[in-house]
Amino acid sequence: MDSFRGKKGSLRNYQKKLYEYQEHEAETLIDIAVIYLEDDEFLKALQNLQEALKTYEKLNYLEGEAYTHDLIGDTYLTTRNTKKALEHYQKAFKLYADIDSSMENEMGEKIREVKQIETALNTNTEEAESFVPEDFIDELEENENTSIDSLNPTPTDSEDENLIKKVKKDSNFDLKELSSEIEEIILLLDQSELYSLYYNDPHSQEMLQEALKSAEIIEDWDGQGTLHLMLGNTYLKLENSLDSLKQFQSALKIFETHANKKGEAISLLLIGALYFIFDKKNEMYMFFRKSLNIFHKHNFKKEEEMAIKFIEILSN
């Protein structure tokens, strides 16, 4: 009997250790999600929060479930999706009520506040998301492996010819007119004034390339990003949409690497516009949404308004 009791005690000890390990795993997933949120990686943040939620549900740890639903709601609220935010806040409220937590009152107050501002947010949300299907985020939430990286942002060689034919065939796309709208967007960047005169020069492409070489030598990263965007727009004027896309992508990498959030958001917006031209809607939605999220989070109000107007022009 003593031996049996010893084994039984060891089993309980291992079960306790396993529970603690799984609880620690959920906490780590939440910490990772918070890091992604700080970097505006909302989809990756959601994926980690959902994994944490599954772990807490498996442990039947109601307080952990409630806390995670609260964080998921915060994530959706950051992207101005009040409908999904309220859905998770209400789940958190119910769970806190079930365990008689003091957080119940705080959660109820948060729900009331979000409902109060929902009407005010709806106007901006409708403008910003008029191009996004209502169930778009839901689809991404169901597919945990979906991310910008998995969307193959550069067309393959086998796609190039078909894309060019499609753009040239569709008379609704006036690339030169679009490039003038894009020029206004690029001129929002601080460095753009230095090179804005190049747009009207007959040798603008050569001049921009020379300026880019100089910027590379002196490691002027913001200048390099801006010049890549300008070169991309120059290619668009020449109806070379594929080289335009590559230049916009080069700008995005530079701005991301060197933490220029305005440049990053503008690059994402312009890449989205190219995917609109290519009629690749999944990619377009992803880039537009990420661009608007960055503008909103970092309080670039003027840039956000211009981005919404730009998207509306594309939609009409």
C-alpha atoms as a PDB file:
ATOM      1  CA  MET A   1       0.000   0.000   0.000  1.00  0.00           C
ATOM      2  CA  ASP A   2       2.850   2.375   0.767  1.00  0.00           C
ATOM      3  CA  SER A   3       4.300   1.652  -2.680  1.00  0.00           C
ATOM      4  CA  PHE A   4       0.910   2.273  -4.297  1.00  0.00           C
ATOM      5  CA  ARG A   5       0.474   5.535  -2.416  1.00  0.00           C
ATOM      6  CA  GLY A   6       3.969   6.566  -3.540  1.00  0.00           C
ATOM      7  CA  LYS A   7       3.183   5.953  -7.197  1.00  0.00           C
ATOM      8  CA  LYS A   8      -0.145   7.723  -6.894  1.00  0.00           C
ATOM      9  CA  GLY A   9       1.584  10.694  -5.311  1.00  0.00           C
ATOM     10  CA  SER A  10       4.173  10.781  -8.086  1.00  0.00           C
ATOM     11  CA  LEU A  11       1.421  10.709 -10.714  1.00  0.00           C
ATOM     12  CA  ARG A  12      -0.307  13.670  -9.104  1.00  0.00           C
ATOM     13  CA  ASN A  13       3.015  15.455  -9.001  1.00  0.00           C
ATOM     14  CA  TYR A  14       3.604  14.860 -12.737  1.00  0.00           C
ATOM     15  CA  GLN A  15       0.055  15.942 -13.559  1.00  0.00           C
ATOM     16  CA  LYS A  16       0.647  19.128 -11.608  1.00  0.00           C
ATOM     17  CA  LYS A  17       3.927  19.724 -13.467  1.00  0.00           C
ATOM     18  CA  LEU A  18       2.211  19.121 -16.834  1.00  0.00           C
ATOM     19  CA  TYR A  19      -0.565  21.567 -15.925  1.00  0.00           C
ATOM     20  CA  GLU A  20       2.001  24.186 -14.929  1.00  0.00           C
ATOM     21  CA  TYR A  21       3.966  23.596 -18.141  1.00  0.00           C
ATOM     22  CA  GLN A  22       0.873  24.040 -20.304  1.00  0.00           C
ATOM     23  CA  GLU A  23      -0.122  27.152 -18.369  1.00  0.00           C
ATOM     24  CA  HIS A  24       3.373  28.561 -18.914  1.00  0.00           C
ATOM     25  CA  GLU A  25       3.087  27.712 -22.621  1.00  0.00           C
ATOM     26  CA  ALA A  26      -0.141  29.717 -22.881  1.00  0.00           C
ATOM     27  CA  GLU A  27       1.456  32.668 -21.076  1.00  0.00           C
ATOM     28  CA  THR A  28       4.421  32.535 -23.469  1.00  0.00           C
ATOM     29  CA  LEU A  29       2.102  32.497 -26.491  1.00  0.00           C
ATOM     30  CA  ILE A  30       0.412  35.613 -25.117  1.00  0.00           C
ATOM     31  CA  ASP A  31       3.796  37.324 -24.630  1.00  0.00           C
ATOM     32  CA  ILE A  32       4.684  36.517 -28.252  1.00  0.00           C
ATOM     33  CA  ALA A  33       1.319  37.886 -29.406  1.00  0.00           C
ATOM     34  CA  VAL A  34       1.985  41.167 -27.592  1.00  0.00           C
ATOM     35  CA  ILE A  35       5.324  41.512 -29.404  1.00  0.00           C
ATOM     36  CA  TYR A  36       3.601  40.947 -32.752  1.00  0.00           C
ATOM     37  CA  LEU A  37       0.989  43.555 -31.832  1.00  0.00           C
ATOM     38  CA  GLU A  38       3.711  46.106 -31.139  1.00  0.00           C
ATOM     39  CA  ASP A  39       5.065  45.410 -34.642  1.00  0.00           C
ATOM     40  CA  ASP A  40       1.585  45.726 -36.231  1.00  0.00           C
ATOM     41  CA  GLU A  41       1.601  42.007 -37.108  1.00  0.00           C
ATOM     42  CA  PHE A  42      -2.075  41.608 -36.233  1.00  0.00           C
ATOM     43  CA  LEU A  43      -2.645  38.257 -37.933  1.00  0.00           C
ATOM     44  CA  LYS A  44       0.344  36.639 -36.234  1.00  0.00           C
ATOM     45  CA  ALA A  45      -0.785  38.116 -32.937  1.00  0.00           C
ATOM     46  CA  LEU A  46      -4.230  36.587 -33.400  1.00  0.00           C
ATOM     47  CA  GLN A  47      -2.754  33.209 -34.289  1.00  0.00           C
ATOM     48  CA  ASN A  48      -0.749  33.107 -31.048  1.00  0.00           C
ATOM     49  CA  LEU A  49      -3.682  34.317 -28.963  1.00  0.00           C
ATOM     50  CA  GLN A  50      -5.896  31.615 -30.472  1.00  0.00           C
ATOM     51  CA  GLU A  51      -3.312  28.971 -29.581  1.00  0.00           C
ATOM     52  CA  ALA A  52      -3.173  30.317 -26.038  1.00  0.00           C
ATOM     53  CA  LEU A  53      -6.979  30.204 -25.866  1.00  0.00           C
ATOM     54  CA  LYS A  54      -7.014  26.553 -26.962  1.00  0.00           C
ATOM     55  CA  THR A  55      -4.503  25.687 -24.245  1.00  0.00           C
ATOM     56  CA  TYR A  56      -6.517  27.424 -21.542  1.00  0.00           C
ATOM     57  CA  GLU A  57      -9.684  25.696 -22.758  1.00  0.00           C
ATOM     58  CA  LYS A  58      -7.897  22.332 -22.554  1.00  0.00           C
ATOM     59  CA  LEU A  59      -6.848  23.160 -18.982  1.00  0.00           C
ATOM     60  CA  ASN A  60     -10.358  24.407 -18.175  1.00  0.00           C
ATOM     61  CA  TYR A  61      -8.701  27.540 -16.797  1.00  0.00           C
ATOM     62  CA  LEU A  62     -11.596  29.988 -17.079  1.00  0.00           C
ATOM     63  CA  GLU A  63      -9.691  33.050 -15.926  1.00  0.00           C
ATOM     64  CA  GLY A  64      -7.038  32.420 -18.588  1.00  0.00           C
ATOM     65  CA  GLU A  65      -9.751  31.981 -21.230  1.00  0.00           C
ATOM     66  CA  ALA A  66     -11.399  35.245 -20.199  1.00  0.00           C
ATOM     67  CA  TYR A  67      -8.099  37.148 -20.246  1.00  0.00           C
ATOM     68  CA  THR A  68      -7.249  35.807 -23.709  1.00  0.00           C
ATOM     69  CA  HIS A  69     -10.686  36.708 -25.097  1.00  0.00           C
ATOM     70  CA  ASP A  70     -10.100  40.203 -23.697  1.00  0.00           C
ATOM     71  CA  LEU A  71      -6.762  40.454 -25.545  1.00  0.00           C
ATOM     72  CA  ILE A  72      -8.273  39.144 -28.780  1.00  0.00           C
ATOM     73  CA  GLY A  73     -10.956  41.812 -28.440  1.00  0.00           C
ATOM     74  CA  ASP A  74      -8.260  44.463 -27.957  1.00  0.00           C
ATOM     75  CA  THR A  75      -6.532  43.240 -31.113  1.00  0.00           C
ATOM     76  CA  TYR A  76      -9.698  43.544 -33.178  1.00  0.00           C
ATOM     77  CA  LEU A  77     -10.413  46.953 -31.677  1.00  0.00           C
ATOM     78  CA  THR A  78      -6.945  48.104 -32.768  1.00  0.00           C
ATOM     79  CA  THR A  79      -7.918  47.218 -36.345  1.00  0.00           C
ATOM     80  CA  ARG A  80     -11.240  49.043 -35.794  1.00  0.00           C
ATOM     81  CA  ASN A  81     -13.286  45.849 -36.140  1.00  0.00           C
ATOM     82  CA  THR A  82     -15.694  46.690 -33.312  1.00  0.00           C
ATOM     83  CA  LYS A  83     -18.066  43.839 -34.151  1.00  0.00           C
ATOM     84  CA  LYS A  84     -15.431  41.150 -33.539  1.00  0.00           C
ATOM     85  CA  ALA A  85     -14.002  43.061 -30.588  1.00  0.00           C
ATOM     86  CA  LEU A  86     -17.384  43.132 -28.830  1.00  0.00           C
ATOM     87  CA  GLU A  87     -17.907  39.442 -29.555  1.00  0.00           C
ATOM     88  CA  HIS A  88     -14.749  38.527 -27.637  1.00  0.00           C
ATOM     89  CA  TYR A  89     -15.304  41.103 -24.896  1.00  0.00           C
ATOM     90  CA  GLN A  90     -18.728  39.584 -24.235  1.00  0.00           C
ATOM     91  CA  LYS A  91     -17.216  36.093 -23.997  1.00  0.00           C
ATOM     92  CA  ALA A  92     -14.657  37.443 -21.531  1.00  0.00           C
ATOM     93  CA  PHE A  93     -17.429  39.143 -19.527  1.00  0.00           C
ATOM     94  CA  LYS A  94     -19.425  35.889 -19.267  1.00  0.00           C
ATOM     95  CA  LEU A  95     -16.381  33.905 -18.144  1.00  0.00           C
ATOM     96  CA  TYR A  96     -15.438  36.498 -15.524  1.00  0.00           C
ATOM     97  CA  ALA A  97     -19.038  36.435 -14.280  1.00  0.00           C
ATOM     98  CA  ASP A  98     -18.981  32.635 -14.054  1.00  0.00           C
ATOM     99  CA  ILE A  99     -15.966  32.701 -11.728  1.00  0.00           C
ATOM    100  CA  ASP A 100     -17.201  35.779  -9.847  1.00  0.00           C
ATOM    101  CA  SER A 101     -14.079  37.736 -10.783  1.00  0.00           C
ATOM    102  CA  SER A 102     -13.623  41.398  -9.917  1.00  0.00           C
ATOM    103  CA  MET A 103     -12.757  41.824 -13.616  1.00  0.00           C
ATOM    104  CA  GLU A 104     -16.450  41.382 -14.453  1.00  0.00           C
ATOM    105  CA  ASN A 105     -17.246  45.029 -13.709  1.00  0.00           C
ATOM    106  CA  GLU A 106     -14.192  46.297 -15.617  1.00  0.00           C
ATOM    107  CA  MET A 107     -15.122  44.128 -18.594  1.00  0.00           C
ATOM    108  CA  GLY A 108     -18.708  45.366 -18.507  1.00  0.00           C
ATOM    109  CA  GLU A 109     -17.473  48.952 -18.521  1.00  0.00           C
ATOM    110  CA  LYS A 110     -15.209  48.233 -21.495  1.00  0.00           C
ATOM    111  CA  ILE A 111     -18.149  46.778 -23.423  1.00  0.00           C
ATOM    112  CA  ARG A 112     -20.256  49.857 -22.693  1.00  0.00           C
ATOM    113  CA  GLU A 113     -17.473  52.184 -23.821  1.00  0.00           C
ATOM    114  CA  VAL A 114     -16.930  50.294 -27.078  1.00  0.00           C
ATOM    115  CA  LYS A 115     -20.664  50.330 -27.813  1.00  0.00           C
ATOM    116  CA  GLN A 116     -20.720  54.073 -27.186  1.00  0.00           C
ATOM    117  CA  ILE A 117     -17.912  54.788 -29.626  1.00  0.00           C
ATOM    118  CA  GLU A 118     -19.024  52.187 -32.186  1.00  0.00           C
ATOM    119  CA  THR A 119     -21.297  54.664 -33.968  1.00  0.00           C
ATOM    120  CA  ALA A 120     -18.472  57.194 -34.246  1.00  0.00           C
ATOM    121  CA  LEU A 121     -16.071  54.529 -35.472  1.00  0.00           C
ATOM    122  CA  ASN A 122     -18.512  53.095 -37.994  1.00  0.00           C
ATOM    123  CA  THR A 123     -18.150  56.018 -40.395  1.00  0.00           C
ATOM    124  CA  ASN A 124     -14.369  55.632 -40.621  1.00  0.00           C
ATOM    125  CA  THR A 125     -14.576  51.845 -40.517  1.00  0.00           C
ATOM    126  CA  GLU A 126     -17.005  51.720 -43.421  1.00  0.00           C
ATOM    127  CA  GLU A 127     -14.746  53.986 -45.455  1.00  0.00           C
ATOM    128  CA  ALA A 128     -11.613  52.037 -44.614  1.00  0.00           C
ATOM    129  CA  GLU A 129     -13.163  48.599 -45.082  1.00  0.00           C
ATOM    130  CA  SER A 130     -15.506  49.197 -48.015  1.00  0.00           C
ATOM    131  CA  PHE A 131     -13.108  47.165 -50.144  1.00  0.00           C
ATOM    132  CA  VAL A 132     -12.880  44.283 -47.646  1.00  0.00           C
ATOM    133  CA  PRO A 133     -15.482  41.468 -47.532  1.00  0.00           C
ATOM    134  CA  GLU A 134     -17.222  41.231 -44.153  1.00  0.00           C
ATOM    135  CA  ASP A 135     -15.952  37.709 -43.593  1.00  0.00           C
ATOM    136  CA  PHE A 136     -12.377  38.411 -44.699  1.00  0.00           C
ATOM    137  CA  ILE A 137     -10.833  38.461 -41.223  1.00  0.00           C
ATOM    138  CA  ASP A 138     -12.911  35.413 -40.251  1.00  0.00           C
ATOM    139  CA  GLU A 139     -11.379  33.458 -43.128  1.00  0.00           C
ATOM    140  CA  LEU A 140      -7.888  34.469 -42.049  1.00  0.00           C
ATOM    141  CA  GLU A 141      -8.692  33.521 -38.468  1.00  0.00           C
ATOM    142  CA  GLU A 142      -9.742  30.027 -39.584  1.00  0.00           C
ATOM    143  CA  ASN A 143      -6.539  29.551 -41.575  1.00  0.00           C
ATOM    144  CA  GLU A 144      -3.758  29.942 -39.033  1.00  0.00           C
ATOM    145  CA  ASN A 145      -1.035  29.668 -41.676  1.00  0.00           C
ATOM    146  CA  THR A 146      -2.229  32.669 -43.673  1.00  0.00           C
ATOM    147  CA  SER A 147       0.124  35.633 -43.628  1.00  0.00           C
ATOM    148  CA  ILE A 148       1.513  38.251 -45.970  1.00  0.00           C
ATOM    149  CA  ASP A 149       4.639  36.142 -46.381  1.00  0.00           C
ATOM    150  CA  SER A 150       2.572  33.191 -47.635  1.00  0.00           C
ATOM    151  CA  LEU A 151       0.764  35.213 -50.293  1.00  0.00           C
ATOM    152  CA  ASN A 152       3.671  35.107 -52.773  1.00  0.00           C
ATOM    153  CA  PRO A 153       3.964  38.899 -53.116  1.00  0.00           C
ATOM    154  CA  THR A 154       6.113  38.742 -56.273  1.00  0.00           C
ATOM    155  CA  PRO A 155       4.535  37.277 -59.428  1.00  0.00           C
ATOM    156  CA  THR A 156       6.507  34.371 -60.847  1.00  0.00           C
ATOM    157  CA  ASP A 157       7.986  34.502 -64.341  1.00  0.00           C
ATOM    158  CA  SER A 158       5.225  32.230 -65.616  1.00  0.00           C
ATOM    159  CA  GLU A 159       2.641  34.763 -64.426  1.00  0.00           C
ATOM    160  CA  ASP A 160       4.336  37.847 -65.891  1.00  0.00           C
ATOM    161  CA  GLU A 161       3.049  37.567 -69.447  1.00  0.00           C
ATOM    162  CA  ASN A 162      -0.526  36.886 -68.365  1.00  0.00           C
ATOM    163  CA  LEU A 163      -0.499  39.805 -65.951  1.00  0.00           C
ATOM    164  CA  ILE A 164       0.839  42.190 -68.608  1.00  0.00           C
ATOM    165  CA  LYS A 165      -1.794  41.035 -71.091  1.00  0.00           C
ATOM    166  CA  LYS A 166      -4.543  41.481 -68.506  1.00  0.00           C
ATOM    167  CA  VAL A 167      -3.498  45.011 -67.584  1.00  0.00           C
ATOM    168  CA  LYS A 168      -3.172  46.105 -71.209  1.00  0.00           C
ATOM    169  CA  LYS A 169      -6.430  44.438 -72.192  1.00  0.00           C
ATOM    170  CA  ASP A 170      -8.518  46.083 -69.483  1.00  0.00           C
ATOM    171  CA  SER A 171      -9.331  49.582 -70.717  1.00  0.00           C
ATOM    172  CA  ASN A 172     -10.574  50.593 -67.234  1.00  0.00           C
ATOM    173  CA  PHE A 173      -6.989  50.890 -66.023  1.00  0.00           C
ATOM    174  CA  ASP A 174      -5.327  54.155 -66.946  1.00  0.00           C
ATOM    175  CA  LEU A 175      -1.854  53.602 -65.524  1.00  0.00           C
ATOM    176  CA  LYS A 176      -0.701  57.152 -66.257  1.00  0.00           C
ATOM    177  CA  GLU A 177      -3.680  58.592 -64.412  1.00  0.00           C
ATOM    178  CA  LEU A 178      -3.064  56.192 -61.543  1.00  0.00           C
ATOM    179  CA  SER A 179       0.591  57.260 -61.381  1.00  0.00           C
ATOM    180  CA  SER A 180      -0.438  60.878 -60.803  1.00  0.00           C
ATOM    181  CA  GLU A 181      -2.512  59.775 -57.791  1.00  0.00           C
ATOM    182  CA  ILE A 182       0.418  57.707 -56.535  1.00  0.00           C
ATOM    183  CA  GLU A 183       2.720  60.712 -56.904  1.00  0.00           C
ATOM    184  CA  GLU A 184       0.561  62.630 -54.418  1.00  0.00           C
ATOM    185  CA  ILE A 185       0.859  59.740 -51.958  1.00  0.00           C
ATOM    186  CA  ILE A 186       4.657  59.528 -52.298  1.00  0.00           C
ATOM    187  CA  LEU A 187       5.007  63.281 -51.734  1.00  0.00           C
ATOM    188  CA  LEU A 188       3.719  62.712 -48.192  1.00  0.00           C
ATOM    189  CA  LEU A 189       7.169  61.338 -47.316  1.00  0.00           C
ATOM    190  CA  ASP A 190       9.630  63.716 -45.676  1.00  0.00           C
ATOM    191  CA  GLN A 191      12.424  62.996 -48.163  1.00  0.00           C
ATOM    192  CA  SER A 192      10.236  63.412 -51.249  1.00  0.00           C
ATOM    193  CA  GLU A 193      10.771  67.165 -51.632  1.00  0.00           C
ATOM    194  CA  LEU A 194      14.453  66.585 -52.398  1.00  0.00           C
ATOM    195  CA  TYR A 195      13.588  64.591 -55.509  1.00  0.00           C
ATOM    196  CA  SER A 196      10.137  65.865 -56.502  1.00  0.00           C
ATOM    197  CA  LEU A 197      11.488  67.942 -59.408  1.00  0.00           C
ATOM    198  CA  TYR A 198      12.658  64.754 -61.121  1.00  0.00           C
ATOM    199  CA  TYR A 199       9.082  63.791 -61.931  1.00  0.00           C
ATOM    200  CA  ASN A 200       8.763  66.463 -64.614  1.00  0.00           C
ATOM    201  CA  ASP A 201      12.196  65.890 -66.135  1.00  0.00           C
ATOM    202  CA  PRO A 202      12.298  63.954 -69.431  1.00  0.00           C
ATOM    203  CA  HIS A 203      15.208  61.936 -68.020  1.00  0.00           C
ATOM    204  CA  SER A 204      13.570  61.347 -64.653  1.00  0.00           C
ATOM    205  CA  GLN A 205      14.286  57.618 -64.584  1.00  0.00           C
ATOM    206  CA  GLU A 206      18.030  58.058 -65.113  1.00  0.00           C
ATOM    207  CA  MET A 207      18.176  60.903 -62.585  1.00  0.00           C
ATOM    208  CA  LEU A 208      16.330  58.887 -59.943  1.00  0.00           C
ATOM    209  CA  GLN A 209      18.650  55.916 -60.465  1.00  0.00           C
ATOM    210  CA  GLU A 210      21.704  58.145 -60.045  1.00  0.00           C
ATOM    211  CA  ALA A 211      20.203  59.651 -56.898  1.00  0.00           C
ATOM    212  CA  LEU A 212      19.548  56.142 -55.598  1.00  0.00           C
ATOM    213  CA  LYS A 213      23.210  55.186 -56.085  1.00  0.00           C
ATOM    214  CA  SER A 214      24.269  58.253 -54.103  1.00  0.00           C
ATOM    215  CA  ALA A 215      21.796  57.464 -51.328  1.00  0.00           C
ATOM    216  CA  GLU A 216      23.162  53.907 -51.146  1.00  0.00           C
ATOM    217  CA  ILE A 217      26.746  55.157 -50.811  1.00  0.00           C
ATOM    218  CA  ILE A 218      25.942  57.460 -47.893  1.00  0.00           C
ATOM    219  CA  GLU A 219      23.499  54.919 -46.391  1.00  0.00           C
ATOM    220  CA  ASP A 220      20.554  57.306 -46.544  1.00  0.00           C
ATOM    221  CA  TRP A 221      17.904  54.650 -45.906  1.00  0.00           C
ATOM    222  CA  ASP A 222      14.854  56.918 -45.962  1.00  0.00           C
ATOM    223  CA  GLY A 223      16.106  58.463 -49.181  1.00  0.00           C
ATOM    224  CA  GLN A 224      16.611  55.023 -50.728  1.00  0.00           C
ATOM    225  CA  GLY A 225      13.080  53.955 -49.840  1.00  0.00           C
ATOM    226  CA  THR A 226      11.603  57.158 -51.234  1.00  0.00           C
ATOM    227  CA  LEU A 227      13.610  56.848 -54.458  1.00  0.00           C
ATOM    228  CA  HIS A 228      12.473  53.241 -54.959  1.00  0.00           C
ATOM    229  CA  LEU A 229       8.871  54.416 -54.696  1.00  0.00           C
ATOM    230  CA  MET A 230       9.519  57.220 -57.176  1.00  0.00           C
ATOM    231  CA  LEU A 231      11.218  54.830 -59.582  1.00  0.00           C
ATOM    232  CA  GLY A 232       8.265  52.467 -59.245  1.00  0.00           C
ATOM    233  CA  ASN A 233       5.902  55.279 -60.130  1.00  0.00           C
ATOM    234  CA  THR A 234       8.068  56.211 -63.112  1.00  0.00           C
ATOM    235  CA  TYR A 235       7.825  52.630 -64.367  1.00  0.00           C
ATOM    236  CA  LEU A 236       4.061  52.813 -63.935  1.00  0.00           C
ATOM    237  CA  LYS A 237       3.919  55.905 -66.170  1.00  0.00           C
ATOM    238  CA  LEU A 238       5.702  53.793 -68.792  1.00  0.00           C
ATOM    239  CA  GLU A 239       3.028  51.082 -68.255  1.00  0.00           C
ATOM    240  CA  ASN A 240       5.646  48.708 -66.849  1.00  0.00           C
ATOM    241  CA  SER A 241       3.583  47.560 -63.876  1.00  0.00           C
ATOM    242  CA  LEU A 242       5.752  44.559 -62.949  1.00  0.00           C
ATOM    243  CA  ASP A 243       8.959  46.583 -62.531  1.00  0.00           C
ATOM    244  CA  SER A 244       6.875  49.127 -60.669  1.00  0.00           C
ATOM    245  CA  LEU A 245       5.806  46.442 -58.204  1.00  0.00           C
ATOM    246  CA  LYS A 246       9.402  45.321 -57.669  1.00  0.00           C
ATOM    247  CA  GLN A 247      10.470  48.872 -56.843  1.00  0.00           C
ATOM    248  CA  PHE A 248       7.613  49.265 -54.346  1.00  0.00           C
ATOM    249  CA  GLN A 249       8.617  45.978 -52.715  1.00  0.00           C
ATOM    250  CA  SER A 250      12.242  47.144 -52.430  1.00  0.00           C
ATOM    251  CA  ALA A 251      11.023  50.308 -50.718  1.00  0.00           C
ATOM    252  CA  LEU A 252       8.911  48.272 -48.284  1.00  0.00           C
ATOM    253  CA  LYS A 253      11.896  46.153 -47.232  1.00  0.00           C
ATOM    254  CA  ILE A 254      14.013  49.232 -46.568  1.00  0.00           C
ATOM    255  CA  PHE A 255      11.326  51.053 -44.588  1.00  0.00           C
ATOM    256  CA  GLU A 256      10.525  47.918 -42.551  1.00  0.00           C
ATOM    257  CA  THR A 257      14.186  47.262 -41.758  1.00  0.00           C
ATOM    258  CA  HIS A 258      14.805  50.829 -40.643  1.00  0.00           C
ATOM    259  CA  ALA A 259      11.526  51.377 -38.768  1.00  0.00           C
ATOM    260  CA  ASN A 260      10.069  54.116 -40.975  1.00  0.00           C
ATOM    261  CA  LYS A 261       6.390  53.490 -40.279  1.00  0.00           C
ATOM    262  CA  LYS A 262       5.050  56.144 -42.629  1.00  0.00           C
ATOM    263  CA  GLY A 263       7.207  54.831 -45.473  1.00  0.00           C
ATOM    264  CA  GLU A 264       6.172  51.277 -44.652  1.00  0.00           C
ATOM    265  CA  ALA A 265       2.460  52.158 -44.731  1.00  0.00           C
ATOM    266  CA  ILE A 266       2.772  54.056 -48.017  1.00  0.00           C
ATOM    267  CA  SER A 267       4.716  51.190 -49.602  1.00  0.00           C
ATOM    268  CA  LEU A 268       2.052  48.706 -48.510  1.00  0.00           C
ATOM    269  CA  LEU A 269      -0.669  50.953 -49.922  1.00  0.00           C
ATOM    270  CA  LEU A 270       1.060  51.215 -53.311  1.00  0.00           C
ATOM    271  CA  ILE A 271       1.771  47.470 -53.467  1.00  0.00           C
ATOM    272  CA  GLY A 272      -1.927  46.933 -52.796  1.00  0.00           C
ATOM    273  CA  ALA A 273      -2.737  49.224 -55.718  1.00  0.00           C
ATOM    274  CA  LEU A 274      -0.569  47.105 -58.022  1.00  0.00           C
ATOM    275  CA  TYR A 275      -2.340  43.934 -56.895  1.00  0.00           C
ATOM    276  CA  PHE A 276      -5.633  45.709 -57.574  1.00  0.00           C
ATOM    277  CA  ILE A 277      -4.441  46.207 -61.144  1.00  0.00           C
ATOM    278  CA  PHE A 278      -3.468  42.536 -61.353  1.00  0.00           C
ATOM    279  CA  ASP A 279      -6.890  41.551 -59.967  1.00  0.00           C
ATOM    280  CA  LYS A 280      -5.262  39.561 -57.145  1.00  0.00           C
ATOM    281  CA  LYS A 281      -7.796  40.407 -54.461  1.00  0.00           C
ATOM    282  CA  ASN A 282      -6.480  38.375 -51.538  1.00  0.00           C
ATOM    283  CA  GLU A 283      -3.127  40.145 -51.706  1.00  0.00           C
ATOM    284  CA  MET A 284      -4.790  43.522 -52.278  1.00  0.00           C
ATOM    285  CA  TYR A 285      -6.953  43.216 -49.151  1.00  0.00           C
ATOM    286  CA  MET A 286      -3.984  42.215 -47.027  1.00  0.00           C
ATOM    287  CA  PHE A 287      -1.766  45.115 -48.086  1.00  0.00           C
ATOM    288  CA  PHE A 288      -4.519  47.761 -47.913  1.00  0.00           C
ATOM    289  CA  ARG A 289      -5.614  46.641 -44.457  1.00  0.00           C
ATOM    290  CA  LYS A 290      -2.063  46.551 -43.070  1.00  0.00           C
ATOM    291  CA  SER A 291      -1.354  50.003 -44.526  1.00  0.00           C
ATOM    292  CA  LEU A 292      -4.444  51.548 -42.944  1.00  0.00           C
ATOM    293  CA  ASN A 293      -3.726  49.886 -39.620  1.00  0.00           C
ATOM    294  CA  ILE A 294      -0.255  51.461 -39.475  1.00  0.00           C
ATOM    295  CA  PHE A 295      -1.571  54.910 -40.434  1.00  0.00           C
ATOM    296  CA  HIS A 296      -4.245  54.659 -37.738  1.00  0.00           C
ATOM    297  CA  LYS A 297      -2.039  53.269 -34.969  1.00  0.00           C
ATOM    298  CA  HIS A 298       0.679  55.893 -35.437  1.00  0.00           C
ATOM    299  CA  ASN A 299      -1.826  58.749 -35.771  1.00  0.00           C
ATOM    300  CA  PHE A 300      -0.912  59.668 -39.356  1.00  0.00           C
ATOM    301  CA  LYS A 301      -4.322  61.294 -39.813  1.00  0.00           C
ATOM    302  CA  LYS A 302      -3.628  63.177 -43.033  1.00  0.00           C
ATOM    303  CA  GLU A 303      -1.985  60.131 -44.605  1.00  0.00           C
ATOM    304  CA  GLU A 304      -4.841  57.867 -43.504  1.00  0.00           C
ATOM    305  CA  GLU A 305      -7.441  60.189 -45.048  1.00  0.00           C
ATOM    306  CA  MET A 306      -5.514  60.325 -48.325  1.00  0.00           C
ATOM    307  CA  ALA A 307      -5.122  56.533 -48.310  1.00  0.00           C
ATOM    308  CA  ILE A 308      -8.872  56.040 -47.893  1.00  0.00           C
ATOM    309  CA  LYS A 309      -9.585  58.491 -50.728  1.00  0.00           C
ATOM    310  CA  PHE A 310      -6.986  56.727 -52.890  1.00  0.00           C
ATOM    311  CA  ILE A 311      -8.638  53.351 -52.283  1.00  0.00           C
ATOM    312  CA  GLU A 312     -12.053  54.852 -53.064  1.00  0.00           C
ATOM    313  CA  ILE A 313     -10.701  56.143 -56.398  1.00  0.00           C
ATOM    314  CA  LEU A 314      -9.510  52.627 -57.242  1.00  0.00           C
ATOM    315  CA  SER A 315     -12.871  51.153 -56.257  1.00  0.00           C
ATOM    316  CA  ASN A 316     -14.888  53.497 -58.495  1.00  0.00           C
END
